[in-house]
């Protein structure tokens, strides 16, 4: 089973790969992030995001 962090990162990657046009995908990411924000391993996410080329989207999500 994938971790919450991995699900968020995967959804950011899908959003990026889909040319960032899916409002539903972005809303899903926001919802998962907000629901789980207090227990996320942000250090892991920040470290992994560049590998998926989504570091800018992660920063947007966090801010």
PDB file of N, CA and C in Angstrom:
ATOM      1  N   UNK A   1       0.848  -1.177   0.000  1.00  0.00           N
ATOM      2  CA  UNK A   1       0.000   0.000   0.000  1.00  0.00           C
ATOM      3  C   UNK A   1       0.896   1.244   0.000  1.00  0.00           C
ATOM      4  N   UNK A   2       0.534   2.205  -0.801  1.00  0.00           N
ATOM      5  CA  UNK A   2       1.302   3.453  -0.910  1.00  0.00           C
ATOM      6  C   UNK A   2       1.033   4.350   0.301  1.00  0.00           C
ATOM      7  N   UNK A   3       2.052   5.079   0.689  1.00  0.00           N
ATOM      8  CA  UNK A   3       1.890   6.040   1.779  1.00  0.00           C
ATOM      9  C   UNK A   3       1.092   7.248   1.276  1.00  0.00           C
ATOM     10  N   UNK A   4       0.571   8.013   2.207  1.00  0.00           N
ATOM     11  CA  UNK A   4      -0.160   9.233   1.845  1.00  0.00           C
ATOM     12  C   UNK A   4       0.759  10.173   1.070  1.00  0.00           C
ATOM     13  N   UNK A   5       2.009  10.264   1.510  1.00  0.00           N
ATOM     14  CA  UNK A   5       2.977  11.126   0.830  1.00  0.00           C
ATOM     15  C   UNK A   5       3.168  10.691  -0.622  1.00  0.00           C
ATOM     16  N   UNK A   6       3.277   9.376  -0.837  1.00  0.00           N
ATOM     17  CA  UNK A   6       3.465   8.866  -2.196  1.00  0.00           C
ATOM     18  C   UNK A   6       2.226   9.086  -3.065  1.00  0.00           C
ATOM     19  N   UNK A   7       1.058   8.980  -2.467  1.00  0.00           N
ATOM     20  CA  UNK A   7      -0.174   9.244  -3.216  1.00  0.00           C
ATOM     21  C   UNK A   7      -0.206  10.704  -3.663  1.00  0.00           C
ATOM     22  N   UNK A   8       0.118  11.608  -2.762  1.00  0.00           N
ATOM     23  CA  UNK A   8       0.136  13.033  -3.110  1.00  0.00           C
ATOM     24  C   UNK A   8       1.152  13.299  -4.211  1.00  0.00           C
ATOM     25  N   UNK A   9       2.351  12.756  -4.068  1.00  0.00           N
ATOM     26  CA  UNK A   9       3.381  12.968  -5.088  1.00  0.00           C
ATOM     27  C   UNK A   9       2.960  12.376  -6.431  1.00  0.00           C
ATOM     28  N   UNK A  10       2.344  11.207  -6.410  1.00  0.00           N
ATOM     29  CA  UNK A  10       1.874  10.588  -7.654  1.00  0.00           C
ATOM     30  C   UNK A  10       0.796  11.440  -8.310  1.00  0.00           C
ATOM     31  N   UNK A  11      -0.117  11.968  -7.511  1.00  0.00           N
ATOM     32  CA  UNK A  11      -1.171  12.816  -8.070  1.00  0.00           C
ATOM     33  C   UNK A  11      -0.590  14.108  -8.638  1.00  0.00           C
ATOM     34  N   UNK A  12       0.425  14.657  -7.984  1.00  0.00           N
ATOM     35  CA  UNK A  12       1.092  15.839  -8.538  1.00  0.00           C
ATOM     36  C   UNK A  12       1.737  15.499  -9.877  1.00  0.00           C
ATOM     37  N   UNK A  13       2.345  14.319  -9.968  1.00  0.00           N
ATOM     38  CA  UNK A  13       2.965  13.879 -11.225  1.00  0.00           C
ATOM     39  C   UNK A  13       1.907  13.699 -12.308  1.00  0.00           C
ATOM     40  N   UNK A  14       0.782  13.094 -11.978  1.00  0.00           N
ATOM     41  CA  UNK A  14      -0.302  12.919 -12.955  1.00  0.00           C
ATOM     42  C   UNK A  14      -0.834  14.272 -13.403  1.00  0.00           C
ATOM     43  N   UNK A  15      -0.958  15.175 -12.453  1.00  0.00           N
ATOM     44  CA  UNK A  15      -1.410  16.532 -12.775  1.00  0.00           C
ATOM     45  C   UNK A  15      -0.434  17.192 -13.742  1.00  0.00           C
ATOM     46  N   UNK A  16       0.850  17.079 -13.472  1.00  0.00           N
ATOM     47  CA  UNK A  16       1.883  17.642 -14.344  1.00  0.00           C
ATOM     48  C   UNK A  16       1.841  16.977 -15.723  1.00  0.00           C
ATOM     49  N   UNK A  17       1.783  15.655 -15.747  1.00  0.00           N
ATOM     50  CA  UNK A  17       1.772  14.919 -17.016  1.00  0.00           C
ATOM     51  C   UNK A  17       0.534  15.235 -17.847  1.00  0.00           C
ATOM     52  N   UNK A  18      -0.550  15.614 -17.175  1.00  0.00           N
ATOM     53  CA  UNK A  18      -1.787  15.984 -17.860  1.00  0.00           C
ATOM     54  C   UNK A  18      -1.832  17.450 -18.234  1.00  0.00           C
ATOM     55  N   UNK A  19      -0.684  18.099 -18.257  1.00  0.00           N
ATOM     56  CA  UNK A  19      -0.554  19.518 -18.640  1.00  0.00           C
ATOM     57  C   UNK A  19      -1.226  20.463 -17.652  1.00  0.00           C
ATOM     58  N   UNK A  20      -1.440  19.974 -16.421  1.00  0.00           N
ATOM     59  CA  UNK A  20      -1.967  20.797 -15.324  1.00  0.00           C
ATOM     60  C   UNK A  20      -3.323  21.426 -15.644  1.00  0.00           C
ATOM     61  N   UNK A  21      -4.158  20.685 -16.348  1.00  0.00           N
ATOM     62  CA  UNK A  21      -5.471  21.219 -16.710  1.00  0.00           C
ATOM     63  C   UNK A  21      -6.617  20.585 -15.914  1.00  0.00           C
ATOM     64  N   UNK A  22      -6.337  19.519 -15.175  1.00  0.00           N
ATOM     65  CA  UNK A  22      -7.398  18.830 -14.449  1.00  0.00           C
ATOM     66  C   UNK A  22      -7.640  19.476 -13.087  1.00  0.00           C
ATOM     67  N   UNK A  23      -8.696  20.269 -13.018  1.00  0.00           N
ATOM     68  CA  UNK A  23      -9.057  20.874 -11.736  1.00  0.00           C
ATOM     69  C   UNK A  23      -9.387  19.797 -10.703  1.00  0.00           C
ATOM     70  N   UNK A  24      -9.992  18.706 -11.157  1.00  0.00           N
ATOM     71  CA  UNK A  24     -10.341  17.614 -10.249  1.00  0.00           C
ATOM     72  C   UNK A  24      -9.094  17.002  -9.621  1.00  0.00           C
ATOM     73  N   UNK A  25      -8.061  16.797 -10.418  1.00  0.00           N
ATOM     74  CA  UNK A  25      -6.815  16.232  -9.891  1.00  0.00           C
ATOM     75  C   UNK A  25      -6.210  17.161  -8.827  1.00  0.00           C
ATOM     76  N   UNK A  26      -6.203  18.460  -9.111  1.00  0.00           N
ATOM     77  CA  UNK A  26      -5.650  19.428  -8.146  1.00  0.00           C
ATOM     78  C   UNK A  26      -6.497  19.469  -6.876  1.00  0.00           C
ATOM     79  N   UNK A  27      -7.818  19.439  -7.020  1.00  0.00           N
ATOM     80  CA  UNK A  27      -8.698  19.426  -5.839  1.00  0.00           C
ATOM     81  C   UNK A  27      -8.465  18.173  -4.997  1.00  0.00           C
ATOM     82  N   UNK A  28      -8.259  17.042  -5.667  1.00  0.00           N
ATOM     83  CA  UNK A  28      -7.961  15.802  -4.942  1.00  0.00           C
ATOM     84  C   UNK A  28      -6.694  15.960  -4.108  1.00  0.00           C
ATOM     85  N   UNK A  29      -5.653  16.510  -4.732  1.00  0.00           N
ATOM     86  CA  UNK A  29      -4.385  16.712  -4.030  1.00  0.00           C
ATOM     87  C   UNK A  29      -4.589  17.636  -2.834  1.00  0.00           C
ATOM     88  N   UNK A  30      -5.291  18.736  -3.048  1.00  0.00           N
ATOM     89  CA  UNK A  30      -5.548  19.680  -1.954  1.00  0.00           C
ATOM     90  C   UNK A  30      -6.296  19.010  -0.804  1.00  0.00           C
ATOM     91  N   UNK A  31      -7.313  18.238  -1.144  1.00  0.00           N
ATOM     92  CA  UNK A  31      -8.104  17.561  -0.122  1.00  0.00           C
ATOM     93  C   UNK A  31      -7.288  16.573   0.690  1.00  0.00           C
ATOM     94  N   UNK A  32      -6.502  15.764   0.007  1.00  0.00           N
ATOM     95  CA  UNK A  32      -5.654  14.786   0.700  1.00  0.00           C
ATOM     96  C   UNK A  32      -4.642  15.508   1.581  1.00  0.00           C
ATOM     97  N   UNK A  33      -4.047  16.565   1.047  1.00  0.00           N
ATOM     98  CA  UNK A  33      -3.048  17.317   1.804  1.00  0.00           C
ATOM     99  C   UNK A  33      -3.669  17.944   3.052  1.00  0.00           C
ATOM    100  N   UNK A  34      -4.788  18.614   2.896  1.00  0.00           N
ATOM    101  CA  UNK A  34      -5.420  19.286   4.038  1.00  0.00           C
ATOM    102  C   UNK A  34      -5.867  18.291   5.104  1.00  0.00           C
ATOM    103  N   UNK A  35      -6.411  17.173   4.677  1.00  0.00           N
ATOM    104  CA  UNK A  35      -6.896  16.165   5.613  1.00  0.00           C
ATOM    105  C   UNK A  35      -5.769  15.538   6.423  1.00  0.00           C
ATOM    106  N   UNK A  36      -4.589  15.437   5.825  1.00  0.00           N
ATOM    107  CA  UNK A  36      -3.479  14.718   6.454  1.00  0.00           C
ATOM    108  C   UNK A  36      -2.282  15.596   6.795  1.00  0.00           C
ATOM    109  N   UNK A  37      -2.425  16.903   6.705  1.00  0.00           N
ATOM    110  CA  UNK A  37      -1.277  17.813   6.798  1.00  0.00           C
ATOM    111  C   UNK A  37      -0.466  17.670   8.085  1.00  0.00           C
ATOM    112  N   UNK A  38      -1.107  17.343   9.186  1.00  0.00           N
ATOM    113  CA  UNK A  38      -0.373  17.277  10.452  1.00  0.00           C
ATOM    114  C   UNK A  38       0.475  16.023  10.594  1.00  0.00           C
ATOM    115  N   UNK A  39       0.231  15.034   9.761  1.00  0.00           N
ATOM    116  CA  UNK A  39       1.000  13.789   9.893  1.00  0.00           C
ATOM    117  C   UNK A  39       1.846  13.444   8.673  1.00  0.00           C
ATOM    118  N   UNK A  40       1.975  14.379   7.747  1.00  0.00           N
ATOM    119  CA  UNK A  40       2.776  14.129   6.546  1.00  0.00           C
ATOM    120  C   UNK A  40       4.268  14.280   6.826  1.00  0.00           C
ATOM    121  N   UNK A  41       5.053  13.471   6.170  1.00  0.00           N
ATOM    122  CA  UNK A  41       6.510  13.574   6.234  1.00  0.00           C
ATOM    123  C   UNK A  41       6.946  14.524   5.118  1.00  0.00           C
ATOM    124  N   UNK A  42       6.908  15.820   5.426  1.00  0.00           N
ATOM    125  CA  UNK A  42       7.229  16.832   4.417  1.00  0.00           C
ATOM    126  C   UNK A  42       8.675  16.743   3.958  1.00  0.00           C
ATOM    127  N   UNK A  43       9.569  16.366   4.843  1.00  0.00           N
ATOM    128  CA  UNK A  43      10.979  16.237   4.452  1.00  0.00           C
ATOM    129  C   UNK A  43      11.127  15.190   3.348  1.00  0.00           C
ATOM    130  N   UNK A  44      10.445  14.073   3.497  1.00  0.00           N
ATOM    131  CA  UNK A  44      10.464  13.028   2.463  1.00  0.00           C
ATOM    132  C   UNK A  44       9.883  13.558   1.153  1.00  0.00           C
ATOM    133  N   UNK A  45       8.779  14.263   1.253  1.00  0.00           N
ATOM    134  CA  UNK A  45       8.121  14.781   0.048  1.00  0.00           C
ATOM    135  C   UNK A  45       9.010  15.790  -0.674  1.00  0.00           C
ATOM    136  N   UNK A  46       9.637  16.675   0.085  1.00  0.00           N
ATOM    137  CA  UNK A  46      10.526  17.684  -0.507  1.00  0.00           C
ATOM    138  C   UNK A  46      11.737  17.011  -1.153  1.00  0.00           C
ATOM    139  N   UNK A  47      12.232  15.955  -0.527  1.00  0.00           N
ATOM    140  CA  UNK A  47      13.378  15.221  -1.072  1.00  0.00           C
ATOM    141  C   UNK A  47      13.006  14.466  -2.354  1.00  0.00           C
ATOM    142  N   UNK A  48      11.801  13.921  -2.405  1.00  0.00           N
ATOM    143  CA  UNK A  48      11.374  13.080  -3.519  1.00  0.00           C
ATOM    144  C   UNK A  48      10.821  13.879  -4.696  1.00  0.00           C
ATOM    145  N   UNK A  49      10.242  15.023  -4.444  1.00  0.00           N
ATOM    146  CA  UNK A  49       9.588  15.814  -5.497  1.00  0.00           C
ATOM    147  C   UNK A  49      10.479  16.105  -6.708  1.00  0.00           C
ATOM    148  N   UNK A  50      11.759  16.463  -6.530  1.00  0.00           N
ATOM    149  CA  UNK A  50      12.596  16.726  -7.710  1.00  0.00           C
ATOM    150  C   UNK A  50      12.764  15.512  -8.628  1.00  0.00           C
ATOM    151  N   UNK A  51      12.774  14.315  -8.050  1.00  0.00           N
ATOM    152  CA  UNK A  51      12.889  13.099  -8.857  1.00  0.00           C
ATOM    153  C   UNK A  51      11.695  12.953  -9.800  1.00  0.00           C
ATOM    154  N   UNK A  52      10.549  13.462  -9.373  1.00  0.00           N
ATOM    155  CA  UNK A  52       9.326  13.384 -10.173  1.00  0.00           C
ATOM    156  C   UNK A  52       9.068  14.665 -10.960  1.00  0.00           C
ATOM    157  N   UNK A  53       9.958  15.630 -10.785  1.00  0.00           N
ATOM    158  CA  UNK A  53       9.852  16.934 -11.448  1.00  0.00           C
ATOM    159  C   UNK A  53       8.564  17.668 -11.074  1.00  0.00           C
ATOM    160  N   UNK A  54       8.235  17.620  -9.782  1.00  0.00           N
ATOM    161  CA  UNK A  54       7.030  18.288  -9.286  1.00  0.00           C
ATOM    162  C   UNK A  54       7.327  19.191  -8.092  1.00  0.00           C
ATOM    163  N   UNK A  55       8.598  19.574  -7.920  1.00  0.00           N
ATOM    164  CA  UNK A  55       8.945  20.366  -6.739  1.00  0.00           C
ATOM    165  C   UNK A  55       8.210  21.697  -6.695  1.00  0.00           C
ATOM    166  N   UNK A  56       7.980  22.316  -7.852  1.00  0.00           N
ATOM    167  CA  UNK A  56       7.251  23.585  -7.871  1.00  0.00           C
ATOM    168  C   UNK A  56       5.790  23.391  -7.469  1.00  0.00           C
ATOM    169  N   UNK A  57       5.193  22.302  -7.909  1.00  0.00           N
ATOM    170  CA  UNK A  57       3.805  22.026  -7.533  1.00  0.00           C
ATOM    171  C   UNK A  57       3.697  21.714  -6.041  1.00  0.00           C
ATOM    172  N   UNK A  58       4.671  20.999  -5.511  1.00  0.00           N
ATOM    173  CA  UNK A  58       4.669  20.711  -4.080  1.00  0.00           C
ATOM    174  C   UNK A  58       4.798  21.999  -3.282  1.00  0.00           C
ATOM    175  N   UNK A  59       5.671  22.888  -3.701  1.00  0.00           N
ATOM    176  CA  UNK A  59       5.825  24.172  -3.009  1.00  0.00           C
ATOM    177  C   UNK A  59       4.520  24.971  -3.056  1.00  0.00           C
ATOM    178  N   UNK A  60       3.854  24.942  -4.197  1.00  0.00           N
ATOM    179  CA  UNK A  60       2.554  25.623  -4.331  1.00  0.00           C
ATOM    180  C   UNK A  60       1.544  25.008  -3.363  1.00  0.00           C
ATOM    181  N   UNK A  61       1.555  23.700  -3.255  1.00  0.00           N
ATOM    182  CA  UNK A  61       0.640  22.995  -2.366  1.00  0.00           C
ATOM    183  C   UNK A  61       0.916  23.334  -0.904  1.00  0.00           C
ATOM    184  N   UNK A  62       2.173  23.368  -0.537  1.00  0.00           N
ATOM    185  CA  UNK A  62       2.557  23.623   0.853  1.00  0.00           C
ATOM    186  C   UNK A  62       2.267  25.062   1.272  1.00  0.00           C
ATOM    187  N   UNK A  63       2.430  25.993   0.351  1.00  0.00           N
ATOM    188  CA  UNK A  63       2.274  27.411   0.714  1.00  0.00           C
ATOM    189  C   UNK A  63       0.841  27.883   0.732  1.00  0.00           C
TER     190      UNK A  63
END
